[in-house]
Amino acid sequence: MQIIKKDPTHGGVLQFGTELVSAADRSIVAMLGASPGASTAVWIMIEVIERCFPEHLKDGWRVKLKDIIPSYGQPLVENAALCKQVRAETATVLNIKDIPQ
């Protein structure tokens, strides 16, 4: 997908990819863009949960998400040890060689 978004400096900026748009009251959310694949599906669902059900994250959903996704809420780019751990666990589950550093 290609869209042009308003930008205060440049007037408009060309962007690519999939984007979620939601109503201010969080009653509905829509996905714009190409059909998502496995590489974006989890990110999209987490965004929907965080955007539309923030009160439930306080009521226990965050704990469940951390159980399902141990790295949830932690940027892997900022935590090399956690990134290595997640990659090793993923490689084991998928029965593939871990990617060398």
PDB file of N, CA and C in Angstrom:
ATOM      1  N   MET A   1       0.845  -1.161   0.000  1.00  0.00           N
ATOM      2  CA  MET A   1       0.000   0.000   0.000  1.00  0.00           C
ATOM      3  C   MET A   1       0.889   1.222   0.000  1.00  0.00           C
ATOM      4  N   GLN A   2       0.483   2.238  -0.697  1.00  0.00           N
ATOM      5  CA  GLN A   2       1.150   3.531  -0.681  1.00  0.00           C
ATOM      6  C   GLN A   2       0.132   4.581  -0.285  1.00  0.00           C
ATOM      7  N   ILE A   3       0.489   5.405   0.671  1.00  0.00           N
ATOM      8  CA  ILE A   3      -0.398   6.489   1.088  1.00  0.00           C
ATOM      9  C   ILE A   3       0.435   7.759   1.238  1.00  0.00           C
ATOM     10  N   ILE A   4      -0.230   8.885   1.140  1.00  0.00           N
ATOM     11  CA  ILE A   4       0.410  10.167   1.410  1.00  0.00           C
ATOM     12  C   ILE A   4      -0.224  10.712   2.672  1.00  0.00           C
ATOM     13  N   LYS A   5       0.595  10.906   3.711  1.00  0.00           N
ATOM     14  CA  LYS A   5       0.112  11.414   4.997  1.00  0.00           C
ATOM     15  C   LYS A   5       0.511  12.873   5.139  1.00  0.00           C
ATOM     16  N   LYS A   6      -0.347  13.628   5.805  1.00  0.00           N
ATOM     17  CA  LYS A   6      -0.039  15.026   6.071  1.00  0.00           C
ATOM     18  C   LYS A   6       1.222  15.131   6.914  1.00  0.00           C
ATOM     19  N   ASP A   7       2.038  16.123   6.595  1.00  0.00           N
ATOM     20  CA  ASP A   7       3.266  16.365   7.325  1.00  0.00           C
ATOM     21  C   ASP A   7       3.442  17.880   7.472  1.00  0.00           C
ATOM     22  N   PRO A   8       3.666  18.371   8.703  1.00  0.00           N
ATOM     23  CA  PRO A   8       3.765  19.816   8.908  1.00  0.00           C
ATOM     24  C   PRO A   8       4.948  20.464   8.191  1.00  0.00           C
ATOM     25  N   THR A   9       5.990  19.710   7.944  1.00  0.00           N
ATOM     26  CA  THR A   9       7.176  20.266   7.291  1.00  0.00           C
ATOM     27  C   THR A   9       7.110  20.171   5.776  1.00  0.00           C
ATOM     28  N   HIS A  10       6.692  18.988   5.288  1.00  0.00           N
ATOM     29  CA  HIS A  10       6.759  18.732   3.849  1.00  0.00           C
ATOM     30  C   HIS A  10       5.396  18.758   3.157  1.00  0.00           C
ATOM     31  N   GLY A  11       4.348  18.999   3.875  1.00  0.00           N
ATOM     32  CA  GLY A  11       3.006  18.990   3.292  1.00  0.00           C
ATOM     33  C   GLY A  11       2.427  17.591   3.212  1.00  0.00           C
ATOM     34  N   GLY A  12       3.193  16.679   2.654  1.00  0.00           N
ATOM     35  CA  GLY A  12       2.785  15.285   2.572  1.00  0.00           C
ATOM     36  C   GLY A  12       3.995  14.387   2.453  1.00  0.00           C
ATOM     37  N   VAL A  13       3.890  13.184   3.010  1.00  0.00           N
ATOM     38  CA  VAL A  13       4.989  12.228   2.991  1.00  0.00           C
ATOM     39  C   VAL A  13       4.449  10.900   2.478  1.00  0.00           C
ATOM     40  N   LEU A  14       5.142  10.329   1.493  1.00  0.00           N
ATOM     41  CA  LEU A  14       4.756   9.035   0.952  1.00  0.00           C
ATOM     42  C   LEU A  14       5.181   7.944   1.924  1.00  0.00           C
ATOM     43  N   GLN A  15       4.239   7.060   2.272  1.00  0.00           N
ATOM     44  CA  GLN A  15       4.538   5.951   3.166  1.00  0.00           C
ATOM     45  C   GLN A  15       4.030   4.654   2.540  1.00  0.00           C
ATOM     46  N   PHE A  16       4.661   3.551   2.935  1.00  0.00           N
ATOM     47  CA  PHE A  16       4.319   2.238   2.415  1.00  0.00           C
ATOM     48  C   PHE A  16       3.929   1.318   3.564  1.00  0.00           C
ATOM     49  N   GLY A  17       3.135   0.307   3.269  1.00  0.00           N
ATOM     50  CA  GLY A  17       2.868  -0.722   4.262  1.00  0.00           C
ATOM     51  C   GLY A  17       1.434  -0.810   4.713  1.00  0.00           C
ATOM     52  N   THR A  18       1.269  -1.482   5.833  1.00  0.00           N
ATOM     53  CA  THR A  18      -0.032  -1.728   6.432  1.00  0.00           C
ATOM     54  C   THR A  18      -0.209  -0.779   7.603  1.00  0.00           C
ATOM     55  N   GLU A  19      -1.394  -0.251   7.769  1.00  0.00           N
ATOM     56  CA  GLU A  19      -1.653   0.683   8.865  1.00  0.00           C
ATOM     57  C   GLU A  19      -3.021   0.401   9.475  1.00  0.00           C
ATOM     58  N   LEU A  20      -3.111   0.593  10.782  1.00  0.00           N
ATOM     59  CA  LEU A  20      -4.388   0.472  11.480  1.00  0.00           C
ATOM     60  C   LEU A  20      -4.928   1.863  11.752  1.00  0.00           C
ATOM     61  N   VAL A  21      -6.208   2.032  11.526  1.00  0.00           N
ATOM     62  CA  VAL A  21      -6.888   3.294  11.788  1.00  0.00           C
ATOM     63  C   VAL A  21      -8.066   2.966  12.688  1.00  0.00           C
ATOM     64  N   SER A  22      -8.233   3.734  13.775  1.00  0.00           N
ATOM     65  CA  SER A  22      -9.330   3.439  14.697  1.00  0.00           C
ATOM     66  C   SER A  22     -10.122   4.691  15.010  1.00  0.00           C
ATOM     67  N   ALA A  23     -11.381   4.472  15.403  1.00  0.00           N
ATOM     68  CA  ALA A  23     -12.241   5.572  15.831  1.00  0.00           C
ATOM     69  C   ALA A  23     -11.706   6.125  17.156  1.00  0.00           C
ATOM     70  N   ALA A  24     -11.955   7.393  17.412  1.00  0.00           N
ATOM     71  CA  ALA A  24     -11.483   8.030  18.642  1.00  0.00           C
ATOM     72  C   ALA A  24     -12.005   7.303  19.883  1.00  0.00           C
ATOM     73  N   ASP A  25     -13.224   6.774  19.802  1.00  0.00           N
ATOM     74  CA  ASP A  25     -13.796   6.077  20.959  1.00  0.00           C
ATOM     75  C   ASP A  25     -13.401   4.593  21.006  1.00  0.00           C
ATOM     76  N   ARG A  26     -12.534   4.171  20.092  1.00  0.00           N
ATOM     77  CA  ARG A  26     -12.020   2.803  20.026  1.00  0.00           C
ATOM     78  C   ARG A  26     -13.103   1.762  19.730  1.00  0.00           C
ATOM     79  N   SER A  27     -14.215   2.188  19.180  1.00  0.00           N
ATOM     80  CA  SER A  27     -15.305   1.246  18.920  1.00  0.00           C
ATOM     81  C   SER A  27     -15.088   0.431  17.658  1.00  0.00           C
ATOM     82  N   ILE A  28     -14.196   0.884  16.796  1.00  0.00           N
ATOM     83  CA  ILE A  28     -13.935   0.160  15.554  1.00  0.00           C
ATOM     84  C   ILE A  28     -12.506   0.448  15.119  1.00  0.00           C
ATOM     85  N   VAL A  29     -11.914  -0.535  14.503  1.00  0.00           N
ATOM     86  CA  VAL A  29     -10.565  -0.382  13.958  1.00  0.00           C
ATOM     87  C   VAL A  29     -10.545  -1.041  12.587  1.00  0.00           C
ATOM     88  N   ALA A  30      -9.811  -0.440  11.665  1.00  0.00           N
ATOM     89  CA  ALA A  30      -9.727  -0.982  10.314  1.00  0.00           C
ATOM     90  C   ALA A  30      -8.263  -1.064   9.903  1.00  0.00           C
ATOM     91  N   MET A  31      -7.987  -2.019   9.052  1.00  0.00           N
ATOM     92  CA  MET A  31      -6.645  -2.161   8.531  1.00  0.00           C
ATOM     93  C   MET A  31      -6.633  -1.666   7.091  1.00  0.00           C
ATOM     94  N   LEU A  32      -5.688  -0.796   6.792  1.00  0.00           N
ATOM     95  CA  LEU A  32      -5.499  -0.312   5.436  1.00  0.00           C
ATOM     96  C   LEU A  32      -4.217  -0.920   4.899  1.00  0.00           C
ATOM     97  N   GLY A  33      -4.250  -1.309   3.656  1.00  0.00           N
ATOM     98  CA  GLY A  33      -3.022  -1.815   3.061  1.00  0.00           C
ATOM     99  C   GLY A  33      -3.184  -3.194   2.485  1.00  0.00           C
ATOM    100  N   ALA A  34      -2.046  -3.746   2.163  1.00  0.00           N
ATOM    101  CA  ALA A  34      -2.021  -5.070   1.567  1.00  0.00           C
ATOM    102  C   ALA A  34      -2.443  -6.117   2.586  1.00  0.00           C
ATOM    103  N   SER A  35      -2.856  -7.238   2.080  1.00  0.00           N
ATOM    104  CA  SER A  35      -3.239  -8.340   2.959  1.00  0.00           C
ATOM    105  C   SER A  35      -2.047  -8.720   3.817  1.00  0.00           C
ATOM    106  N   PRO A  36      -2.231  -8.760   5.134  1.00  0.00           N
ATOM    107  CA  PRO A  36      -1.084  -9.064   5.989  1.00  0.00           C
ATOM    108  C   PRO A  36      -0.696 -10.533   5.904  1.00  0.00           C
ATOM    109  N   GLY A  37       0.565 -10.755   6.065  1.00  0.00           N
ATOM    110  CA  GLY A  37       1.068 -12.113   6.122  1.00  0.00           C
ATOM    111  C   GLY A  37       1.477 -12.427   7.545  1.00  0.00           C
ATOM    112  N   ALA A  38       2.123 -13.542   7.698  1.00  0.00           N
ATOM    113  CA  ALA A  38       2.543 -13.975   9.033  1.00  0.00           C
ATOM    114  C   ALA A  38       3.483 -12.976   9.689  1.00  0.00           C
ATOM    115  N   SER A  39       4.260 -12.263   8.891  1.00  0.00           N
ATOM    116  CA  SER A  39       5.237 -11.341   9.467  1.00  0.00           C
ATOM    117  C   SER A  39       4.594 -10.131  10.128  1.00  0.00           C
ATOM    118  N   THR A  40       3.355  -9.810   9.775  1.00  0.00           N
ATOM    119  CA  THR A  40       2.698  -8.638  10.361  1.00  0.00           C
ATOM    120  C   THR A  40       1.470  -8.976  11.194  1.00  0.00           C
ATOM    121  N   ALA A  41       0.959 -10.185  11.107  1.00  0.00           N
ATOM    122  CA  ALA A  41      -0.307 -10.526  11.757  1.00  0.00           C
ATOM    123  C   ALA A  41      -0.271 -10.344  13.271  1.00  0.00           C
ATOM    124  N   VAL A  42       0.802 -10.771  13.931  1.00  0.00           N
ATOM    125  CA  VAL A  42       0.880 -10.641  15.388  1.00  0.00           C
ATOM    126  C   VAL A  42       0.962  -9.175  15.772  1.00  0.00           C
ATOM    127  N   TRP A  43       1.796  -8.404  15.074  1.00  0.00           N
ATOM    128  CA  TRP A  43       1.912  -6.966  15.352  1.00  0.00           C
ATOM    129  C   TRP A  43       0.545  -6.289  15.220  1.00  0.00           C
ATOM    130  N   ILE A  44      -0.185  -6.629  14.174  1.00  0.00           N
ATOM    131  CA  ILE A  44      -1.497  -6.021  13.947  1.00  0.00           C
ATOM    132  C   ILE A  44      -2.444  -6.344  15.097  1.00  0.00           C
ATOM    133  N   MET A  45      -2.498  -7.591  15.526  1.00  0.00           N
ATOM    134  CA  MET A  45      -3.419  -7.959  16.609  1.00  0.00           C
ATOM    135  C   MET A  45      -3.018  -7.289  17.927  1.00  0.00           C
ATOM    136  N   ILE A  46      -1.727  -7.183  18.198  1.00  0.00           N
ATOM    137  CA  ILE A  46      -1.289  -6.499  19.420  1.00  0.00           C
ATOM    138  C   ILE A  46      -1.672  -5.028  19.362  1.00  0.00           C
ATOM    139  N   GLU A  47      -1.508  -4.401  18.215  1.00  0.00           N
ATOM    140  CA  GLU A  47      -1.911  -3.003  18.056  1.00  0.00           C
ATOM    141  C   GLU A  47      -3.407  -2.832  18.291  1.00  0.00           C
ATOM    142  N   VAL A  48      -4.219  -3.750  17.760  1.00  0.00           N
ATOM    143  CA  VAL A  48      -5.676  -3.682  17.957  1.00  0.00           C
ATOM    144  C   VAL A  48      -6.002  -3.809  19.449  1.00  0.00           C
ATOM    145  N   ILE A  49      -5.380  -4.763  20.120  1.00  0.00           N
ATOM    146  CA  ILE A  49      -5.632  -4.948  21.560  1.00  0.00           C
ATOM    147  C   ILE A  49      -5.228  -3.700  22.337  1.00  0.00           C
ATOM    148  N   GLU A  50      -4.030  -3.179  22.075  1.00  0.00           N
ATOM    149  CA  GLU A  50      -3.557  -2.010  22.820  1.00  0.00           C
ATOM    150  C   GLU A  50      -4.403  -0.774  22.531  1.00  0.00           C
ATOM    151  N   ARG A  51      -4.848  -0.632  21.307  1.00  0.00           N
ATOM    152  CA  ARG A  51      -5.603   0.559  20.913  1.00  0.00           C
ATOM    153  C   ARG A  51      -7.061   0.501  21.358  1.00  0.00           C
ATOM    154  N   CYS A  52      -7.668  -0.672  21.249  1.00  0.00           N
ATOM    155  CA  CYS A  52      -9.110  -0.777  21.487  1.00  0.00           C
ATOM    156  C   CYS A  52      -9.489  -1.339  22.860  1.00  0.00           C
ATOM    157  N   PHE A  53      -8.572  -1.998  23.535  1.00  0.00           N
ATOM    158  CA  PHE A  53      -8.888  -2.614  24.820  1.00  0.00           C
ATOM    159  C   PHE A  53      -7.861  -2.298  25.900  1.00  0.00           C
ATOM    160  N   PRO A  54      -7.432  -1.039  26.027  1.00  0.00           N
ATOM    161  CA  PRO A  54      -6.383  -0.731  27.005  1.00  0.00           C
ATOM    162  C   PRO A  54      -6.787  -1.048  28.439  1.00  0.00           C
ATOM    163  N   GLU A  55      -8.080  -0.946  28.745  1.00  0.00           N
ATOM    164  CA  GLU A  55      -8.531  -1.240  30.108  1.00  0.00           C
ATOM    165  C   GLU A  55      -8.347  -2.715  30.458  1.00  0.00           C
ATOM    166  N   HIS A  56      -8.458  -3.583  29.453  1.00  0.00           N
ATOM    167  CA  HIS A  56      -8.277  -5.014  29.691  1.00  0.00           C
ATOM    168  C   HIS A  56      -6.806  -5.362  29.924  1.00  0.00           C
ATOM    169  N   LEU A  57      -5.909  -4.572  29.346  1.00  0.00           N
ATOM    170  CA  LEU A  57      -4.486  -4.811  29.589  1.00  0.00           C
ATOM    171  C   LEU A  57      -4.162  -4.612  31.065  1.00  0.00           C
ATOM    172  N   LYS A  58      -4.871  -3.691  31.710  1.00  0.00           N
ATOM    173  CA  LYS A  58      -4.686  -3.461  33.142  1.00  0.00           C
ATOM    174  C   LYS A  58      -5.318  -4.583  33.961  1.00  0.00           C
ATOM    175  N   ASP A  59      -6.343  -5.233  33.387  1.00  0.00           N
ATOM    176  CA  ASP A  59      -7.101  -6.254  34.111  1.00  0.00           C
ATOM    177  C   ASP A  59      -6.570  -7.671  33.902  1.00  0.00           C
ATOM    178  N   GLY A  60      -5.386  -7.826  33.357  1.00  0.00           N
ATOM    179  CA  GLY A  60      -4.832  -9.163  33.240  1.00  0.00           C
ATOM    180  C   GLY A  60      -4.412  -9.589  31.849  1.00  0.00           C
ATOM    181  N   TRP A  61      -4.877  -8.906  30.827  1.00  0.00           N
ATOM    182  CA  TRP A  61      -4.488  -9.309  29.481  1.00  0.00           C
ATOM    183  C   TRP A  61      -2.986  -9.148  29.280  1.00  0.00           C
ATOM    184  N   ARG A  62      -2.365  -8.136  29.895  1.00  0.00           N
ATOM    185  CA  ARG A  62      -0.932  -7.915  29.742  1.00  0.00           C
ATOM    186  C   ARG A  62      -0.152  -9.142  30.237  1.00  0.00           C
ATOM    187  N   VAL A  63      -0.600  -9.711  31.356  1.00  0.00           N
ATOM    188  CA  VAL A  63       0.058 -10.898  31.902  1.00  0.00           C
ATOM    189  C   VAL A  63      -0.056 -12.056  30.910  1.00  0.00           C
ATOM    190  N   LYS A  64      -1.222 -12.228  30.330  1.00  0.00           N
ATOM    191  CA  LYS A  64      -1.430 -13.306  29.358  1.00  0.00           C
ATOM    192  C   LYS A  64      -0.577 -13.076  28.120  1.00  0.00           C
ATOM    193  N   LEU A  65      -0.504 -11.826  27.638  1.00  0.00           N
ATOM    194  CA  LEU A  65       0.326 -11.531  26.479  1.00  0.00           C
ATOM    195  C   LEU A  65       1.797 -11.822  26.768  1.00  0.00           C
ATOM    196  N   LYS A  66       2.261 -11.475  27.975  1.00  0.00           N
ATOM    197  CA  LYS A  66       3.647 -11.772  28.360  1.00  0.00           C
ATOM    198  C   LYS A  66       3.877 -13.278  28.424  1.00  0.00           C
ATOM    199  N   ASP A  67       2.855 -14.030  28.802  1.00  0.00           N
ATOM    200  CA  ASP A  67       2.958 -15.488  28.837  1.00  0.00           C
ATOM    201  C   ASP A  67       3.092 -16.049  27.420  1.00  0.00           C
ATOM    202  N   ILE A  68       2.307 -15.509  26.502  1.00  0.00           N
ATOM    203  CA  ILE A  68       2.315 -15.962  25.113  1.00  0.00           C
ATOM    204  C   ILE A  68       3.549 -15.452  24.377  1.00  0.00           C
ATOM    205  N   ILE A  69       3.896 -14.180  24.630  1.00  0.00           N
ATOM    206  CA  ILE A  69       5.010 -13.513  23.946  1.00  0.00           C
ATOM    207  C   ILE A  69       5.949 -12.976  25.025  1.00  0.00           C
ATOM    208  N   PRO A  70       6.930 -13.752  25.459  1.00  0.00           N
ATOM    209  CA  PRO A  70       7.786 -13.325  26.576  1.00  0.00           C
ATOM    210  C   PRO A  70       8.461 -11.970  26.385  1.00  0.00           C
ATOM    211  N   SER A  71       8.680 -11.570  25.164  1.00  0.00           N
ATOM    212  CA  SER A  71       9.335 -10.275  24.914  1.00  0.00           C
ATOM    213  C   SER A  71       8.338  -9.122  24.785  1.00  0.00           C
ATOM    214  N   TYR A  72       7.051  -9.387  24.993  1.00  0.00           N
ATOM    215  CA  TYR A  72       6.029  -8.339  24.837  1.00  0.00           C
ATOM    216  C   TYR A  72       6.368  -7.106  25.680  1.00  0.00           C
ATOM    217  N   GLY A  73       6.307  -5.953  25.042  1.00  0.00           N
ATOM    218  CA  GLY A  73       6.539  -4.691  25.742  1.00  0.00           C
ATOM    219  C   GLY A  73       7.999  -4.311  25.891  1.00  0.00           C
ATOM    220  N   GLN A  74       8.900  -5.135  25.376  1.00  0.00           N
ATOM    221  CA  GLN A  74      10.321  -4.857  25.485  1.00  0.00           C
ATOM    222  C   GLN A  74      10.926  -4.768  24.086  1.00  0.00           C
ATOM    223  N   PRO A  75      11.436  -3.621  23.700  1.00  0.00           N
ATOM    224  CA  PRO A  75      12.042  -3.506  22.365  1.00  0.00           C
ATOM    225  C   PRO A  75      13.317  -4.355  22.269  1.00  0.00           C
ATOM    226  N   LEU A  76      13.313  -5.323  21.404  1.00  0.00           N
ATOM    227  CA  LEU A  76      14.461  -6.217  21.267  1.00  0.00           C
ATOM    228  C   LEU A  76      15.697  -5.476  20.772  1.00  0.00           C
ATOM    229  N   VAL A  77      15.498  -4.401  20.045  1.00  0.00           N
ATOM    230  CA  VAL A  77      16.630  -3.623  19.554  1.00  0.00           C
ATOM    231  C   VAL A  77      17.409  -2.983  20.705  1.00  0.00           C
ATOM    232  N   GLU A  78      16.762  -2.839  21.857  1.00  0.00           N
ATOM    233  CA  GLU A  78      17.403  -2.242  23.024  1.00  0.00           C
ATOM    234  C   GLU A  78      17.876  -3.281  24.041  1.00  0.00           C
ATOM    235  N   ASN A  79      17.611  -4.551  23.784  1.00  0.00           N
ATOM    236  CA  ASN A  79      17.965  -5.598  24.736  1.00  0.00           C
ATOM    237  C   ASN A  79      18.562  -6.786  23.980  1.00  0.00           C
ATOM    238  N   ALA A  80      19.869  -6.734  23.761  1.00  0.00           N
ATOM    239  CA  ALA A  80      20.544  -7.756  22.961  1.00  0.00           C
ATOM    240  C   ALA A  80      20.393  -9.150  23.557  1.00  0.00           C
ATOM    241  N   ALA A  81      20.485  -9.250  24.885  1.00  0.00           N
ATOM    242  CA  ALA A  81      20.378 -10.561  25.526  1.00  0.00           C
ATOM    243  C   ALA A  81      18.998 -11.177  25.295  1.00  0.00           C
ATOM    244  N   LEU A  82      17.949 -10.376  25.454  1.00  0.00           N
ATOM    245  CA  LEU A  82      16.591 -10.884  25.222  1.00  0.00           C
ATOM    246  C   LEU A  82      16.402 -11.248  23.755  1.00  0.00           C
ATOM    247  N   CYS A  83      16.953 -10.449  22.854  1.00  0.00           N
ATOM    248  CA  CYS A  83      16.856 -10.744  21.420  1.00  0.00           C
ATOM    249  C   CYS A  83      17.494 -12.099  21.119  1.00  0.00           C
ATOM    250  N   LYS A  84      18.685 -12.341  21.660  1.00  0.00           N
ATOM    251  CA  LYS A  84      19.368 -13.623  21.445  1.00  0.00           C
ATOM    252  C   LYS A  84      18.549 -14.776  22.012  1.00  0.00           C
ATOM    253  N   GLN A  85      17.957 -14.565  23.184  1.00  0.00           N
ATOM    254  CA  GLN A  85      17.136 -15.600  23.813  1.00  0.00           C
ATOM    255  C   GLN A  85      15.926 -15.933  22.954  1.00  0.00           C
ATOM    256  N   VAL A  86      15.226 -14.905  22.472  1.00  0.00           N
ATOM    257  CA  VAL A  86      14.035 -15.110  21.648  1.00  0.00           C
ATOM    258  C   VAL A  86      14.410 -15.821  20.346  1.00  0.00           C
ATOM    259  N   ARG A  87      15.506 -15.408  19.737  1.00  0.00           N
ATOM    260  CA  ARG A  87      15.935 -16.038  18.488  1.00  0.00           C
ATOM    261  C   ARG A  87      16.291 -17.500  18.709  1.00  0.00           C
ATOM    262  N   ALA A  88      16.994 -17.798  19.798  1.00  0.00           N
ATOM    263  CA  ALA A  88      17.371 -19.184  20.086  1.00  0.00           C
ATOM    264  C   ALA A  88      16.138 -20.045  20.345  1.00  0.00           C
ATOM    265  N   GLU A  89      15.185 -19.527  21.124  1.00  0.00           N
ATOM    266  CA  GLU A  89      13.959 -20.278  21.411  1.00  0.00           C
ATOM    267  C   GLU A  89      13.148 -20.497  20.141  1.00  0.00           C
ATOM    268  N   THR A  90      13.067 -19.481  19.302  1.00  0.00           N
ATOM    269  CA  THR A  90      12.333 -19.597  18.043  1.00  0.00           C
ATOM    270  C   THR A  90      12.992 -20.632  17.142  1.00  0.00           C
ATOM    271  N   ALA A  91      14.313 -20.589  17.043  1.00  0.00           N
ATOM    272  CA  ALA A  91      15.040 -21.560  16.220  1.00  0.00           C
ATOM    273  C   ALA A  91      14.800 -22.986  16.708  1.00  0.00           C
ATOM    274  N   THR A  92      14.769 -23.173  18.027  1.00  0.00           N
ATOM    275  CA  THR A  92      14.515 -24.504  18.585  1.00  0.00           C
ATOM    276  C   THR A  92      13.119 -24.996  18.210  1.00  0.00           C
ATOM    277  N   VAL A  93      12.131 -24.134  18.391  1.00  0.00           N
ATOM    278  CA  VAL A  93      10.749 -24.516  18.078  1.00  0.00           C
ATOM    279  C   VAL A  93      10.588 -24.841  16.594  1.00  0.00           C
ATOM    280  N   LEU A  94      11.234 -24.041  15.740  1.00  0.00           N
ATOM    281  CA  LEU A  94      11.125 -24.253  14.307  1.00  0.00           C
ATOM    282  C   LEU A  94      12.104 -25.286  13.757  1.00  0.00           C
ATOM    283  N   ASN A  95      12.952 -25.807  14.656  1.00  0.00           N
ATOM    284  CA  ASN A  95      13.944 -26.817  14.270  1.00  0.00           C
ATOM    285  C   ASN A  95      14.868 -26.298  13.161  1.00  0.00           C
ATOM    286  N   ILE A  96      15.366 -25.088  13.352  1.00  0.00           N
ATOM    287  CA  ILE A  96      16.319 -24.495  12.421  1.00  0.00           C
ATOM    288  C   ILE A  96      17.554 -24.048  13.188  1.00  0.00           C
ATOM    289  N   LYS A  97      18.630 -23.822  12.456  1.00  0.00           N
ATOM    290  CA  LYS A  97      19.837 -23.302  13.087  1.00  0.00           C
ATOM    291  C   LYS A  97      19.591 -21.861  13.485  1.00  0.00           C
ATOM    292  N   ASP A  98      20.072 -21.492  14.662  1.00  0.00           N
ATOM    293  CA  ASP A  98      19.993 -20.103  15.095  1.00  0.00           C
ATOM    294  C   ASP A  98      20.866 -19.266  14.171  1.00  0.00           C
ATOM    295  N   ILE A  99      20.444 -18.069  13.876  1.00  0.00           N
ATOM    296  CA  ILE A  99      21.192 -17.177  12.986  1.00  0.00           C
ATOM    297  C   ILE A  99      22.427 -16.676  13.729  1.00  0.00           C
ATOM    298  N   PRO A 100      23.622 -16.840  13.148  1.00  0.00           N
ATOM    299  CA  PRO A 100      24.823 -16.355  13.823  1.00  0.00           C
ATOM    300  C   PRO A 100      24.783 -14.840  13.995  1.00  0.00           C
ATOM    301  N   GLN A 101      25.459 -14.367  15.039  1.00  0.00           N
ATOM    302  CA  GLN A 101      25.472 -12.926  15.323  1.00  0.00           C
ATOM    303  C   GLN A 101      26.391 -12.196  14.378  1.00  0.00           C
TER     304      GLN A 101
END
